[in-house]
């Protein structure tokens, strides 16, 4: 039980790093489960292969958009709220799929997204402004970390 709630917080951190990557991972896992989770849920749309494909495309677009100089700060309004909503959605879906409290999962996912957003914003700012590491290099490292951590997290889920 506690593992499910920790995972909800962790997927929120991924949402804080890359807002569309977390729902893409969750949707992929749910749509490929041998049992069909979230059958009578408002979150059932995440089980759809079409939703998975759309979320994967949006996540890919976000990876490109993040490197543009015109990309807004993740902690600016309304971007931060989108990340928090993404974390809440993903946390809720993971906990419901594991037959745990959706409300706690949503809260933990949202908290993880807020924590991840601020932590990785400040880390990136510190690396690029204080340590003179090129922003593109930092962004690519963050992409790799988000993808790697997301894969490890989602593959460890006992869904289906």
N, C-alpha and C. Protein backbone atom coordinates (compact mmCIF):
# COMPACT_ATOMS: atom_id res chain seq x y z
N UNK A 1 0.82 -1.20 0.00
CA UNK A 1 0.00 0.00 0.00
C UNK A 1 0.86 1.26 0.00
N UNK A 2 1.83 1.34 0.91
CA UNK A 2 2.66 2.54 0.99
C UNK A 2 3.45 2.72 -0.30
N UNK A 3 3.85 1.62 -0.93
CA UNK A 3 4.60 1.68 -2.18
C UNK A 3 3.78 2.39 -3.26
N UNK A 4 2.50 2.14 -3.31
CA UNK A 4 1.63 2.78 -4.29
C UNK A 4 1.62 4.30 -4.09
N UNK A 5 1.56 4.73 -2.85
CA UNK A 5 1.54 6.17 -2.57
C UNK A 5 2.91 6.82 -2.85
N UNK A 6 3.97 6.10 -2.57
CA UNK A 6 5.31 6.61 -2.93
C UNK A 6 5.42 6.75 -4.44
N UNK A 7 4.90 5.76 -5.16
CA UNK A 7 4.93 5.83 -6.63
C UNK A 7 4.10 7.00 -7.16
N UNK A 8 2.99 7.30 -6.49
CA UNK A 8 2.17 8.45 -6.91
C UNK A 8 2.97 9.74 -6.77
N UNK A 9 3.70 9.87 -5.67
CA UNK A 9 4.55 11.05 -5.47
C UNK A 9 5.66 11.08 -6.53
N UNK A 10 6.27 9.93 -6.79
CA UNK A 10 7.37 9.86 -7.76
C UNK A 10 6.91 10.19 -9.18
N UNK A 11 5.75 9.71 -9.58
CA UNK A 11 5.27 10.04 -10.93
C UNK A 11 4.96 11.53 -11.00
N UNK A 12 4.57 12.11 -9.88
CA UNK A 12 4.39 13.55 -9.82
C UNK A 12 5.70 14.29 -10.07
N UNK A 13 6.79 13.79 -9.52
CA UNK A 13 8.09 14.41 -9.77
C UNK A 13 8.40 14.38 -11.27
N UNK A 14 8.11 13.27 -11.92
CA UNK A 14 8.32 13.18 -13.37
C UNK A 14 7.47 14.24 -14.08
N UNK A 15 6.23 14.41 -13.64
CA UNK A 15 5.36 15.44 -14.22
C UNK A 15 5.93 16.84 -14.00
N UNK A 16 6.59 17.05 -12.88
CA UNK A 16 7.23 18.33 -12.63
C UNK A 16 8.41 18.58 -13.56
N UNK A 17 9.06 17.51 -13.97
CA UNK A 17 10.19 17.62 -14.89
C UNK A 17 9.69 17.83 -16.33
N UNK A 18 8.78 16.98 -16.75
CA UNK A 18 8.20 17.02 -18.10
C UNK A 18 6.73 16.68 -17.97
N UNK A 19 5.89 17.68 -18.10
CA UNK A 19 4.47 17.54 -17.73
C UNK A 19 3.71 16.49 -18.54
N UNK A 20 4.07 16.26 -19.78
CA UNK A 20 3.33 15.29 -20.59
C UNK A 20 3.94 13.89 -20.54
N UNK A 21 5.17 13.80 -20.07
CA UNK A 21 5.83 12.50 -20.03
C UNK A 21 5.16 11.58 -19.00
N UNK A 22 4.81 12.12 -17.85
CA UNK A 22 4.19 11.30 -16.81
C UNK A 22 2.88 10.67 -17.29
N UNK A 23 1.94 11.46 -17.84
CA UNK A 23 0.71 10.81 -18.32
C UNK A 23 0.96 9.85 -19.49
N UNK A 24 1.97 10.12 -20.30
CA UNK A 24 2.29 9.18 -21.39
C UNK A 24 2.74 7.84 -20.82
N UNK A 25 3.59 7.86 -19.81
CA UNK A 25 4.04 6.62 -19.17
C UNK A 25 2.88 5.89 -18.51
N UNK A 26 2.07 6.61 -17.76
CA UNK A 26 0.95 5.98 -17.06
C UNK A 26 -0.04 5.38 -18.06
N UNK A 27 -0.38 6.13 -19.09
CA UNK A 27 -1.31 5.63 -20.09
C UNK A 27 -0.76 4.40 -20.81
N UNK A 28 0.52 4.44 -21.13
CA UNK A 28 1.15 3.29 -21.79
C UNK A 28 1.03 2.05 -20.90
N UNK A 29 1.37 2.20 -19.63
CA UNK A 29 1.31 1.06 -18.72
C UNK A 29 -0.12 0.53 -18.59
N UNK A 30 -1.08 1.42 -18.43
CA UNK A 30 -2.48 1.00 -18.27
C UNK A 30 -3.03 0.37 -19.54
N UNK A 31 -2.66 0.91 -20.69
CA UNK A 31 -3.21 0.37 -21.95
C UNK A 31 -2.60 -0.98 -22.31
N UNK A 32 -1.44 -1.30 -21.74
CA UNK A 32 -0.80 -2.58 -22.02
C UNK A 32 -0.96 -3.60 -20.90
N UNK A 33 -1.78 -3.29 -19.92
CA UNK A 33 -2.01 -4.22 -18.82
C UNK A 33 -2.83 -5.40 -19.31
N UNK A 34 -2.53 -6.60 -18.80
CA UNK A 34 -3.28 -7.78 -19.21
C UNK A 34 -4.72 -7.73 -18.70
N UNK A 35 -4.90 -7.19 -17.50
CA UNK A 35 -6.25 -6.92 -17.02
C UNK A 35 -6.55 -5.48 -17.39
N UNK A 36 -7.78 -5.13 -17.55
CA UNK A 36 -8.12 -3.76 -17.92
C UNK A 36 -8.46 -2.95 -16.67
N UNK A 37 -7.49 -2.20 -16.17
CA UNK A 37 -7.75 -1.39 -14.98
C UNK A 37 -8.62 -0.19 -15.29
N UNK A 38 -9.14 0.41 -14.27
CA UNK A 38 -9.95 1.63 -14.35
C UNK A 38 -11.22 1.46 -15.18
N UNK A 39 -11.79 0.27 -15.18
CA UNK A 39 -12.95 -0.02 -16.01
C UNK A 39 -14.12 0.92 -15.76
N UNK A 40 -14.48 1.13 -14.53
CA UNK A 40 -15.62 2.00 -14.20
C UNK A 40 -15.16 3.33 -13.62
N UNK A 41 -14.08 3.83 -14.13
CA UNK A 41 -13.47 5.04 -13.58
C UNK A 41 -13.60 6.21 -14.54
N UNK A 42 -13.58 7.42 -13.98
CA UNK A 42 -13.53 8.62 -14.81
C UNK A 42 -12.18 8.74 -15.50
N UNK A 43 -11.20 8.00 -15.03
CA UNK A 43 -9.87 8.01 -15.61
C UNK A 43 -9.67 6.91 -16.66
N UNK A 44 -10.75 6.23 -17.01
CA UNK A 44 -10.67 5.11 -17.95
C UNK A 44 -10.08 5.51 -19.31
N UNK A 45 -10.22 6.77 -19.69
CA UNK A 45 -9.68 7.21 -20.98
C UNK A 45 -8.17 6.95 -21.10
N UNK A 46 -7.47 6.87 -19.96
CA UNK A 46 -6.03 6.63 -20.00
C UNK A 46 -5.67 5.23 -20.47
N UNK A 47 -6.64 4.32 -20.45
CA UNK A 47 -6.41 2.94 -20.88
C UNK A 47 -6.42 2.82 -22.40
N UNK A 48 -6.98 3.79 -23.08
CA UNK A 48 -7.12 3.75 -24.53
C UNK A 48 -5.78 3.85 -25.25
N UNK A 49 -5.52 2.96 -26.21
CA UNK A 49 -4.30 3.08 -27.02
C UNK A 49 -4.23 4.41 -27.78
N UNK A 50 -5.38 4.96 -28.14
CA UNK A 50 -5.39 6.26 -28.83
C UNK A 50 -4.93 7.36 -27.88
N UNK A 51 -5.37 7.30 -26.63
CA UNK A 51 -4.92 8.28 -25.64
C UNK A 51 -3.43 8.14 -25.42
N UNK A 52 -2.95 6.91 -25.35
CA UNK A 52 -1.52 6.67 -25.17
C UNK A 52 -0.74 7.30 -26.31
N UNK A 53 -1.18 7.08 -27.55
CA UNK A 53 -0.48 7.64 -28.69
C UNK A 53 -0.48 9.17 -28.66
N UNK A 54 -1.62 9.75 -28.34
CA UNK A 54 -1.72 11.21 -28.27
C UNK A 54 -0.80 11.77 -27.18
N UNK A 55 -0.79 11.12 -26.03
CA UNK A 55 0.07 11.58 -24.94
C UNK A 55 1.55 11.41 -25.27
N UNK A 56 1.89 10.34 -25.96
CA UNK A 56 3.28 10.14 -26.38
C UNK A 56 3.72 11.23 -27.37
N UNK A 57 2.83 11.58 -28.28
CA UNK A 57 3.14 12.66 -29.23
C UNK A 57 3.31 14.00 -28.51
N UNK A 58 2.44 14.27 -27.55
CA UNK A 58 2.57 15.52 -26.79
C UNK A 58 3.85 15.52 -25.97
N UNK A 59 4.22 14.39 -25.41
CA UNK A 59 5.46 14.30 -24.64
C UNK A 59 6.66 14.55 -25.54
N UNK A 60 6.63 13.99 -26.74
CA UNK A 60 7.70 14.24 -27.70
C UNK A 60 7.79 15.70 -28.10
N UNK A 61 6.64 16.31 -28.32
CA UNK A 61 6.61 17.74 -28.64
C UNK A 61 7.15 18.58 -27.51
N UNK A 62 6.86 18.18 -26.27
CA UNK A 62 7.36 18.91 -25.12
C UNK A 62 8.88 18.81 -25.02
N UNK A 63 9.43 17.65 -25.37
CA UNK A 63 10.88 17.50 -25.34
C UNK A 63 11.55 18.48 -26.31
N UNK A 64 10.92 18.70 -27.44
CA UNK A 64 11.45 19.66 -28.41
C UNK A 64 11.22 21.09 -27.94
N UNK A 65 10.00 21.38 -27.52
CA UNK A 65 9.63 22.73 -27.10
C UNK A 65 10.43 23.25 -25.92
N UNK A 66 10.83 22.34 -25.05
CA UNK A 66 11.60 22.74 -23.87
C UNK A 66 12.95 23.36 -24.24
N UNK A 67 13.47 23.02 -25.40
CA UNK A 67 14.79 23.52 -25.81
C UNK A 67 14.71 24.89 -26.48
N UNK A 68 13.51 25.34 -26.80
CA UNK A 68 13.37 26.62 -27.49
C UNK A 68 13.61 27.77 -26.52
N UNK A 69 14.26 28.83 -27.00
CA UNK A 69 14.50 29.97 -26.12
C UNK A 69 13.22 30.64 -25.63
N UNK A 70 12.15 30.48 -26.36
CA UNK A 70 10.88 31.11 -25.98
C UNK A 70 10.07 30.28 -24.98
N UNK A 71 10.60 29.12 -24.59
CA UNK A 71 9.87 28.26 -23.64
C UNK A 71 9.75 28.97 -22.30
N UNK A 72 8.54 29.04 -21.76
CA UNK A 72 8.35 29.71 -20.46
C UNK A 72 8.92 28.87 -19.32
N UNK A 73 9.19 29.52 -18.22
CA UNK A 73 9.66 28.81 -17.02
C UNK A 73 8.57 27.88 -16.52
N UNK A 74 8.95 26.71 -16.09
CA UNK A 74 7.99 25.71 -15.60
C UNK A 74 7.28 26.15 -14.34
N UNK A 75 7.87 27.09 -13.58
CA UNK A 75 7.24 27.53 -12.34
C UNK A 75 6.42 28.80 -12.52
N UNK A 76 6.35 29.29 -13.77
CA UNK A 76 5.53 30.46 -14.06
C UNK A 76 4.07 30.04 -14.17
N UNK A 77 3.17 31.00 -14.06
CA UNK A 77 1.74 30.74 -14.26
C UNK A 77 1.47 30.78 -15.76
N UNK A 78 0.69 29.98 -16.35
CA UNK A 78 -0.08 28.85 -15.79
C UNK A 78 0.66 27.52 -15.86
N UNK A 79 1.92 27.52 -16.31
CA UNK A 79 2.66 26.26 -16.50
C UNK A 79 2.70 25.41 -15.23
N UNK A 80 2.93 26.03 -14.10
CA UNK A 80 3.03 25.26 -12.86
C UNK A 80 1.72 24.52 -12.57
N UNK A 81 0.59 25.15 -12.87
CA UNK A 81 -0.70 24.50 -12.61
C UNK A 81 -0.92 23.31 -13.53
N UNK A 82 -0.43 23.41 -14.76
CA UNK A 82 -0.53 22.27 -15.67
C UNK A 82 0.29 21.09 -15.18
N UNK A 83 1.46 21.36 -14.65
CA UNK A 83 2.31 20.30 -14.12
C UNK A 83 1.68 19.67 -12.88
N UNK A 84 1.13 20.50 -12.01
CA UNK A 84 0.47 19.99 -10.81
C UNK A 84 -0.75 19.13 -11.20
N UNK A 85 -1.52 19.59 -12.17
CA UNK A 85 -2.67 18.81 -12.64
C UNK A 85 -2.22 17.49 -13.25
N UNK A 86 -1.14 17.52 -14.01
CA UNK A 86 -0.61 16.30 -14.61
C UNK A 86 -0.18 15.32 -13.52
N UNK A 87 0.51 15.81 -12.51
CA UNK A 87 0.92 14.95 -11.40
C UNK A 87 -0.26 14.37 -10.65
N UNK A 88 -1.28 15.20 -10.43
CA UNK A 88 -2.49 14.73 -9.73
C UNK A 88 -3.19 13.65 -10.53
N UNK A 89 -3.34 13.86 -11.82
CA UNK A 89 -3.98 12.88 -12.70
C UNK A 89 -3.23 11.55 -12.65
N UNK A 90 -1.93 11.62 -12.79
CA UNK A 90 -1.12 10.40 -12.83
C UNK A 90 -1.11 9.68 -11.48
N UNK A 91 -0.99 10.45 -10.40
CA UNK A 91 -1.03 9.84 -9.08
C UNK A 91 -2.36 9.17 -8.81
N UNK A 92 -3.43 9.83 -9.20
CA UNK A 92 -4.77 9.26 -9.02
C UNK A 92 -4.94 7.97 -9.83
N UNK A 93 -4.48 7.99 -11.08
CA UNK A 93 -4.61 6.81 -11.94
C UNK A 93 -3.82 5.62 -11.39
N UNK A 94 -2.59 5.87 -10.95
CA UNK A 94 -1.79 4.77 -10.41
C UNK A 94 -2.40 4.18 -9.14
N UNK A 95 -2.86 5.05 -8.26
CA UNK A 95 -3.43 4.52 -7.02
C UNK A 95 -4.75 3.80 -7.27
N UNK A 96 -5.57 4.34 -8.17
CA UNK A 96 -6.83 3.65 -8.46
C UNK A 96 -6.59 2.31 -9.14
N UNK A 97 -5.63 2.26 -10.04
CA UNK A 97 -5.31 0.99 -10.71
C UNK A 97 -4.79 -0.04 -9.72
N UNK A 98 -4.20 0.42 -8.63
CA UNK A 98 -3.72 -0.47 -7.58
C UNK A 98 -4.70 -0.61 -6.42
N UNK A 99 -5.94 -0.16 -6.67
CA UNK A 99 -7.04 -0.30 -5.71
C UNK A 99 -6.76 0.40 -4.37
N UNK A 100 -6.17 1.59 -4.47
CA UNK A 100 -5.91 2.42 -3.31
C UNK A 100 -6.68 3.73 -3.47
N UNK A 101 -6.59 4.60 -2.48
CA UNK A 101 -7.34 5.85 -2.46
C UNK A 101 -6.92 6.79 -3.60
N UNK A 102 -7.88 7.12 -4.44
CA UNK A 102 -7.65 8.04 -5.56
C UNK A 102 -7.30 9.43 -5.03
N UNK A 103 -7.99 9.86 -3.98
CA UNK A 103 -7.75 11.19 -3.42
C UNK A 103 -6.33 11.35 -2.91
N UNK A 104 -5.85 10.37 -2.16
CA UNK A 104 -4.48 10.45 -1.66
C UNK A 104 -3.48 10.40 -2.81
N UNK A 105 -3.78 9.57 -3.81
CA UNK A 105 -2.89 9.49 -4.97
C UNK A 105 -2.81 10.82 -5.71
N UNK A 106 -3.96 11.47 -5.87
CA UNK A 106 -3.99 12.77 -6.56
C UNK A 106 -3.20 13.81 -5.77
N UNK A 107 -3.39 13.83 -4.46
CA UNK A 107 -2.68 14.81 -3.63
C UNK A 107 -1.17 14.56 -3.69
N UNK A 108 -0.78 13.31 -3.55
CA UNK A 108 0.65 13.00 -3.58
C UNK A 108 1.26 13.26 -4.95
N UNK A 109 0.52 12.96 -6.01
CA UNK A 109 1.00 13.27 -7.36
C UNK A 109 1.17 14.77 -7.57
N UNK A 110 0.21 15.54 -7.07
CA UNK A 110 0.28 17.00 -7.19
C UNK A 110 1.47 17.55 -6.40
N UNK A 111 1.65 17.04 -5.18
CA UNK A 111 2.79 17.48 -4.36
C UNK A 111 4.12 17.12 -5.02
N UNK A 112 4.19 15.93 -5.58
CA UNK A 112 5.40 15.52 -6.29
C UNK A 112 5.68 16.42 -7.48
N UNK A 113 4.63 16.79 -8.21
CA UNK A 113 4.80 17.66 -9.37
C UNK A 113 5.29 19.04 -8.96
N UNK A 114 4.72 19.57 -7.89
CA UNK A 114 5.17 20.88 -7.40
C UNK A 114 6.63 20.81 -6.95
N UNK A 115 6.95 19.77 -6.18
CA UNK A 115 8.33 19.61 -5.71
C UNK A 115 9.29 19.44 -6.88
N UNK A 116 8.93 18.59 -7.84
CA UNK A 116 9.79 18.36 -9.01
C UNK A 116 9.95 19.61 -9.86
N UNK A 117 8.88 20.36 -10.03
CA UNK A 117 8.94 21.59 -10.83
C UNK A 117 9.93 22.57 -10.23
N UNK A 118 9.79 22.84 -8.95
CA UNK A 118 10.67 23.82 -8.30
C UNK A 118 12.09 23.31 -8.17
N UNK A 119 12.26 22.05 -7.80
CA UNK A 119 13.60 21.50 -7.62
C UNK A 119 14.38 21.51 -8.93
N UNK A 120 13.75 21.03 -9.99
CA UNK A 120 14.48 20.95 -11.26
C UNK A 120 14.60 22.30 -11.94
N UNK A 121 13.69 23.22 -11.70
CA UNK A 121 13.86 24.59 -12.20
C UNK A 121 15.10 25.21 -11.57
N UNK A 122 15.20 25.12 -10.25
CA UNK A 122 16.33 25.75 -9.55
C UNK A 122 17.64 25.02 -9.84
N UNK A 123 17.60 23.71 -9.98
CA UNK A 123 18.80 22.97 -10.34
C UNK A 123 19.28 23.39 -11.73
N UNK A 124 18.36 23.47 -12.67
CA UNK A 124 18.73 23.87 -14.04
C UNK A 124 19.27 25.30 -14.05
N UNK A 125 18.62 26.18 -13.31
CA UNK A 125 19.07 27.57 -13.24
C UNK A 125 20.48 27.64 -12.63
N UNK A 126 20.70 26.90 -11.56
CA UNK A 126 22.01 26.88 -10.92
C UNK A 126 23.08 26.35 -11.87
N UNK A 127 22.81 25.25 -12.55
CA UNK A 127 23.79 24.68 -13.46
C UNK A 127 24.11 25.61 -14.63
N UNK A 128 23.09 26.26 -15.16
CA UNK A 128 23.32 27.09 -16.34
C UNK A 128 23.86 28.48 -16.00
N UNK A 129 23.45 29.05 -14.87
CA UNK A 129 23.86 30.40 -14.54
C UNK A 129 25.06 30.47 -13.59
N UNK A 130 25.16 29.53 -12.67
CA UNK A 130 26.26 29.56 -11.70
C UNK A 130 27.44 28.70 -12.15
N UNK A 131 27.15 27.61 -12.83
CA UNK A 131 28.22 26.69 -13.24
C UNK A 131 28.53 26.78 -14.74
N UNK A 132 27.82 27.62 -15.45
CA UNK A 132 28.03 27.86 -16.89
C UNK A 132 27.95 26.59 -17.75
N UNK A 133 27.10 25.66 -17.36
CA UNK A 133 26.84 24.48 -18.19
C UNK A 133 25.84 24.92 -19.25
N UNK A 134 26.07 24.58 -20.51
CA UNK A 134 25.12 24.99 -21.56
C UNK A 134 23.71 24.46 -21.27
N UNK A 135 22.73 25.34 -21.47
CA UNK A 135 21.34 25.00 -21.16
C UNK A 135 20.87 23.77 -21.93
N UNK A 136 21.24 23.66 -23.19
CA UNK A 136 20.81 22.51 -23.99
C UNK A 136 21.34 21.21 -23.38
N UNK A 137 22.55 21.22 -22.90
CA UNK A 137 23.13 20.03 -22.28
C UNK A 137 22.37 19.66 -21.00
N UNK A 138 22.06 20.66 -20.19
CA UNK A 138 21.30 20.42 -18.97
C UNK A 138 19.90 19.90 -19.31
N UNK A 139 19.28 20.50 -20.31
CA UNK A 139 17.93 20.08 -20.72
C UNK A 139 17.94 18.63 -21.21
N UNK A 140 18.94 18.27 -21.99
CA UNK A 140 19.04 16.89 -22.48
C UNK A 140 19.29 15.91 -21.34
N UNK A 141 20.10 16.30 -20.37
CA UNK A 141 20.34 15.45 -19.21
C UNK A 141 19.04 15.27 -18.40
N UNK A 142 18.28 16.35 -18.29
CA UNK A 142 17.00 16.25 -17.58
C UNK A 142 16.03 15.35 -18.34
N UNK A 143 16.03 15.46 -19.66
CA UNK A 143 15.20 14.56 -20.48
C UNK A 143 15.57 13.11 -20.19
N UNK A 144 16.86 12.82 -20.22
CA UNK A 144 17.32 11.45 -20.00
C UNK A 144 16.94 10.96 -18.61
N UNK A 145 17.08 11.82 -17.61
CA UNK A 145 16.70 11.45 -16.25
C UNK A 145 15.19 11.20 -16.14
N UNK A 146 14.39 12.07 -16.75
CA UNK A 146 12.93 11.90 -16.70
C UNK A 146 12.51 10.61 -17.41
N UNK A 147 13.10 10.34 -18.55
CA UNK A 147 12.76 9.12 -19.29
C UNK A 147 13.21 7.89 -18.52
N UNK A 148 14.45 7.89 -18.06
CA UNK A 148 14.97 6.73 -17.32
C UNK A 148 14.21 6.47 -16.04
N UNK A 149 14.01 7.51 -15.25
CA UNK A 149 13.28 7.34 -13.99
C UNK A 149 11.83 6.94 -14.25
N UNK A 150 11.23 7.52 -15.27
CA UNK A 150 9.85 7.17 -15.62
C UNK A 150 9.71 5.72 -16.03
N UNK A 151 10.66 5.24 -16.83
CA UNK A 151 10.63 3.83 -17.26
C UNK A 151 10.79 2.89 -16.07
N UNK A 152 11.74 3.18 -15.21
CA UNK A 152 11.95 2.33 -14.04
C UNK A 152 10.71 2.33 -13.15
N UNK A 153 10.17 3.50 -12.92
CA UNK A 153 8.99 3.62 -12.07
C UNK A 153 7.80 2.87 -12.65
N UNK A 154 7.51 3.10 -13.91
CA UNK A 154 6.30 2.54 -14.50
C UNK A 154 6.42 1.02 -14.72
N UNK A 155 7.62 0.56 -15.01
CA UNK A 155 7.80 -0.89 -15.18
C UNK A 155 7.69 -1.63 -13.85
N UNK A 156 7.94 -0.94 -12.76
CA UNK A 156 7.82 -1.55 -11.45
C UNK A 156 6.40 -1.63 -10.92
N UNK A 157 5.45 -1.08 -11.67
CA UNK A 157 4.06 -1.11 -11.25
C UNK A 157 3.49 -2.51 -11.40
N UNK A 158 2.76 -2.95 -10.41
CA UNK A 158 2.16 -4.28 -10.44
C UNK A 158 0.76 -4.27 -11.06
N UNK A 159 0.59 -3.54 -12.13
CA UNK A 159 -0.72 -3.43 -12.79
C UNK A 159 -0.77 -4.44 -13.92
N UNK A 160 -1.78 -5.28 -13.89
CA UNK A 160 -1.99 -6.22 -14.99
C UNK A 160 -0.82 -7.07 -15.22
